[in-house]
Amino acid sequence: MTDFRDRERAEEAHFALEEETAFRILARRNRLLGEWAAGLMKLTPEETDAYRKAVVQAEFEESGDEDVVRKLLGDLTAAQIEVTEADIRAKLAEMAVEARRQLLGGV
């Protein structure tokens, strides 16, 4: 019975670690995405820092990426930056790969 409980605890710990890693990758991806958008909008370093945080916070509005895409599309359009939803989604995918590389690659 102890072996079963040990195995169960190990699986729960592994699941928790995977969930935490996924969350950290998502937050890093959104921060990188915010930095990219801030660069397009030519924000100051202080504004860029605040904007990266705002993009990370946007993730919590609803599940999925729609809230982040909507925020970026709205902000970039308001700044008169010509960008499409497809451009943002492509950058989102690119930044997901980079975030995973940075976190799991030890950068």
C-alpha atoms as a PDB file:
ATOM      1  CA  MET A   1       0.000   0.000   0.000  1.00  0.00           C
ATOM      2  CA  THR A   2       2.892   2.374   0.755  1.00  0.00           C
ATOM      3  CA  ASP A   3       4.326   1.849  -2.744  1.00  0.00           C
ATOM      4  CA  PHE A   4       0.990   2.822  -4.249  1.00  0.00           C
ATOM      5  CA  ARG A   5       0.813   6.015  -2.137  1.00  0.00           C
ATOM      6  CA  ASP A   6       4.416   6.880  -2.977  1.00  0.00           C
ATOM      7  CA  ARG A   7       3.711   6.428  -6.660  1.00  0.00           C
ATOM      8  CA  GLU A   8       0.554   8.519  -6.394  1.00  0.00           C
ATOM      9  CA  ARG A   9       2.438  11.342  -4.632  1.00  0.00           C
ATOM     10  CA  ALA A  10       5.191  11.218  -7.239  1.00  0.00           C
ATOM     11  CA  GLU A  11       2.654  11.476 -10.063  1.00  0.00           C
ATOM     12  CA  GLU A  12       0.926  14.399  -8.355  1.00  0.00           C
ATOM     13  CA  ALA A  13       4.260  16.173  -7.879  1.00  0.00           C
ATOM     14  CA  HIS A  14       5.169  15.557 -11.525  1.00  0.00           C
ATOM     15  CA  PHE A  15       1.797  16.909 -12.686  1.00  0.00           C
ATOM     16  CA  ALA A  16       2.204  20.014 -10.510  1.00  0.00           C
ATOM     17  CA  LEU A  17       5.677  20.614 -11.944  1.00  0.00           C
ATOM     18  CA  GLU A  18       4.385  20.277 -15.504  1.00  0.00           C
ATOM     19  CA  GLU A  19       1.562  22.735 -14.786  1.00  0.00           C
ATOM     20  CA  GLU A  20       3.965  25.235 -13.241  1.00  0.00           C
ATOM     21  CA  THR A  21       6.345  24.920 -16.190  1.00  0.00           C
ATOM     22  CA  ALA A  22       3.504  25.441 -18.683  1.00  0.00           C
ATOM     23  CA  PHE A  23       2.396  28.547 -16.777  1.00  0.00           C
ATOM     24  CA  ARG A  24       5.924  29.959 -16.718  1.00  0.00           C
ATOM     25  CA  ILE A  25       6.346  29.348 -20.462  1.00  0.00           C
ATOM     26  CA  LEU A  26       3.022  31.076 -21.156  1.00  0.00           C
ATOM     27  CA  ALA A  27       3.955  34.090 -19.032  1.00  0.00           C
ATOM     28  CA  ARG A  28       7.384  34.344 -20.679  1.00  0.00           C
ATOM     29  CA  ARG A  29       5.801  34.040 -24.138  1.00  0.00           C
ATOM     30  CA  ASN A  30       3.410  36.873 -23.345  1.00  0.00           C
ATOM     31  CA  ARG A  31       6.216  39.026 -21.958  1.00  0.00           C
ATOM     32  CA  LEU A  32       8.231  38.480 -25.148  1.00  0.00           C
ATOM     33  CA  LEU A  33       5.160  39.251 -27.229  1.00  0.00           C
ATOM     34  CA  GLY A  34       4.616  42.464 -25.283  1.00  0.00           C
ATOM     35  CA  GLU A  35       8.225  43.443 -25.856  1.00  0.00           C
ATOM     36  CA  TRP A  36       7.831  42.856 -29.603  1.00  0.00           C
ATOM     37  CA  ALA A  37       4.667  44.966 -29.750  1.00  0.00           C
ATOM     38  CA  ALA A  38       6.251  47.704 -27.614  1.00  0.00           C
ATOM     39  CA  GLY A  39       9.125  47.825 -30.084  1.00  0.00           C
ATOM     40  CA  LEU A  40       6.701  48.303 -32.954  1.00  0.00           C
ATOM     41  CA  MET A  41       5.005  51.121 -31.050  1.00  0.00           C
ATOM     42  CA  LYS A  42       8.408  52.658 -30.194  1.00  0.00           C
ATOM     43  CA  LEU A  43       7.693  52.771 -26.458  1.00  0.00           C
ATOM     44  CA  THR A  44      10.286  53.983 -23.963  1.00  0.00           C
ATOM     45  CA  PRO A  45      12.027  51.390 -21.773  1.00  0.00           C
ATOM     46  CA  GLU A  46       9.726  52.255 -18.851  1.00  0.00           C
ATOM     47  CA  GLU A  47       6.625  52.042 -21.057  1.00  0.00           C
ATOM     48  CA  THR A  48       7.897  48.754 -22.509  1.00  0.00           C
ATOM     49  CA  ASP A  49       8.260  47.265 -19.043  1.00  0.00           C
ATOM     50  CA  ALA A  50       4.713  48.309 -18.113  1.00  0.00           C
ATOM     51  CA  TYR A  51       3.356  47.071 -21.431  1.00  0.00           C
ATOM     52  CA  ARG A  52       4.986  43.644 -21.063  1.00  0.00           C
ATOM     53  CA  LYS A  53       3.291  43.310 -17.680  1.00  0.00           C
ATOM     54  CA  ALA A  54      -0.046  44.394 -19.162  1.00  0.00           C
ATOM     55  CA  VAL A  55       0.183  41.718 -21.849  1.00  0.00           C
ATOM     56  CA  VAL A  56       0.946  39.071 -19.225  1.00  0.00           C
ATOM     57  CA  GLN A  57      -2.084  40.274 -17.226  1.00  0.00           C
ATOM     58  CA  ALA A  58      -4.297  40.139 -20.326  1.00  0.00           C
ATOM     59  CA  GLU A  59      -3.834  36.357 -20.351  1.00  0.00           C
ATOM     60  CA  PHE A  60      -5.990  36.082 -17.231  1.00  0.00           C
ATOM     61  CA  GLU A  61      -9.096  37.687 -18.752  1.00  0.00           C
ATOM     62  CA  GLU A  62     -10.301  34.454 -20.366  1.00  0.00           C
ATOM     63  CA  SER A  63      -8.892  31.052 -21.203  1.00  0.00           C
ATOM     64  CA  GLY A  64      -6.969  30.681 -24.431  1.00  0.00           C
ATOM     65  CA  ASP A  65      -5.006  33.225 -26.420  1.00  0.00           C
ATOM     66  CA  GLU A  66      -7.910  35.327 -27.676  1.00  0.00           C
ATOM     67  CA  ASP A  67      -7.583  37.944 -24.940  1.00  0.00           C
ATOM     68  CA  VAL A  68      -3.895  38.479 -25.684  1.00  0.00           C
ATOM     69  CA  VAL A  69      -4.447  38.622 -29.446  1.00  0.00           C
ATOM     70  CA  ARG A  70      -7.336  41.063 -28.988  1.00  0.00           C
ATOM     71  CA  LYS A  71      -5.240  43.316 -26.718  1.00  0.00           C
ATOM     72  CA  LEU A  72      -2.284  43.413 -29.082  1.00  0.00           C
ATOM     73  CA  LEU A  73      -4.424  43.931 -32.157  1.00  0.00           C
ATOM     74  CA  GLY A  74      -6.300  46.785 -30.475  1.00  0.00           C
ATOM     75  CA  ASP A  75      -3.177  48.461 -29.122  1.00  0.00           C
ATOM     76  CA  LEU A  76      -1.209  48.148 -32.348  1.00  0.00           C
ATOM     77  CA  THR A  77      -4.140  49.359 -34.434  1.00  0.00           C
ATOM     78  CA  ALA A  78      -4.621  52.338 -32.084  1.00  0.00           C
ATOM     79  CA  ALA A  79      -0.918  53.143 -32.540  1.00  0.00           C
ATOM     80  CA  GLN A  80      -1.482  53.050 -36.310  1.00  0.00           C
ATOM     81  CA  ILE A  81       0.774  50.028 -36.772  1.00  0.00           C
ATOM     82  CA  GLU A  82      -0.330  47.944 -39.726  1.00  0.00           C
ATOM     83  CA  VAL A  83      -0.599  44.422 -38.365  1.00  0.00           C
ATOM     84  CA  THR A  84      -3.081  41.642 -38.928  1.00  0.00           C
ATOM     85  CA  GLU A  85      -4.437  39.065 -36.541  1.00  0.00           C
ATOM     86  CA  ALA A  86      -2.498  36.470 -38.539  1.00  0.00           C
ATOM     87  CA  ASP A  87       0.724  38.441 -37.947  1.00  0.00           C
ATOM     88  CA  ILE A  88       0.074  38.459 -34.214  1.00  0.00           C
ATOM     89  CA  ARG A  89      -0.755  34.747 -34.139  1.00  0.00           C
ATOM     90  CA  ALA A  90       2.429  33.946 -36.070  1.00  0.00           C
ATOM     91  CA  LYS A  91       4.482  36.008 -33.617  1.00  0.00           C
ATOM     92  CA  LEU A  92       2.661  34.322 -30.745  1.00  0.00           C
ATOM     93  CA  ALA A  93       3.745  30.914 -32.039  1.00  0.00           C
ATOM     94  CA  GLU A  94       7.310  32.138 -32.577  1.00  0.00           C
ATOM     95  CA  MET A  95       7.490  33.565 -29.063  1.00  0.00           C
ATOM     96  CA  ALA A  96       6.100  30.333 -27.591  1.00  0.00           C
ATOM     97  CA  VAL A  97       9.047  28.457 -29.086  1.00  0.00           C
ATOM     98  CA  GLU A  98      11.483  31.098 -27.815  1.00  0.00           C
ATOM     99  CA  ALA A  99       9.964  31.096 -24.311  1.00  0.00           C
ATOM    100  CA  ARG A 100      10.215  27.312 -24.125  1.00  0.00           C
ATOM    101  CA  ARG A 101      13.825  27.473 -25.312  1.00  0.00           C
ATOM    102  CA  GLN A 102      14.713  30.115 -22.740  1.00  0.00           C
ATOM    103  CA  LEU A 103      13.089  28.331 -19.812  1.00  0.00           C
ATOM    104  CA  LEU A 104      14.015  24.773 -20.616  1.00  0.00           C
ATOM    105  CA  GLY A 105      17.304  25.594 -22.269  1.00  0.00           C
ATOM    106  CA  GLY A 106      18.668  27.294 -19.192  1.00  0.00           C
ATOM    107  CA  VAL A 107      18.847  30.812 -20.627  1.00  0.00           C
END
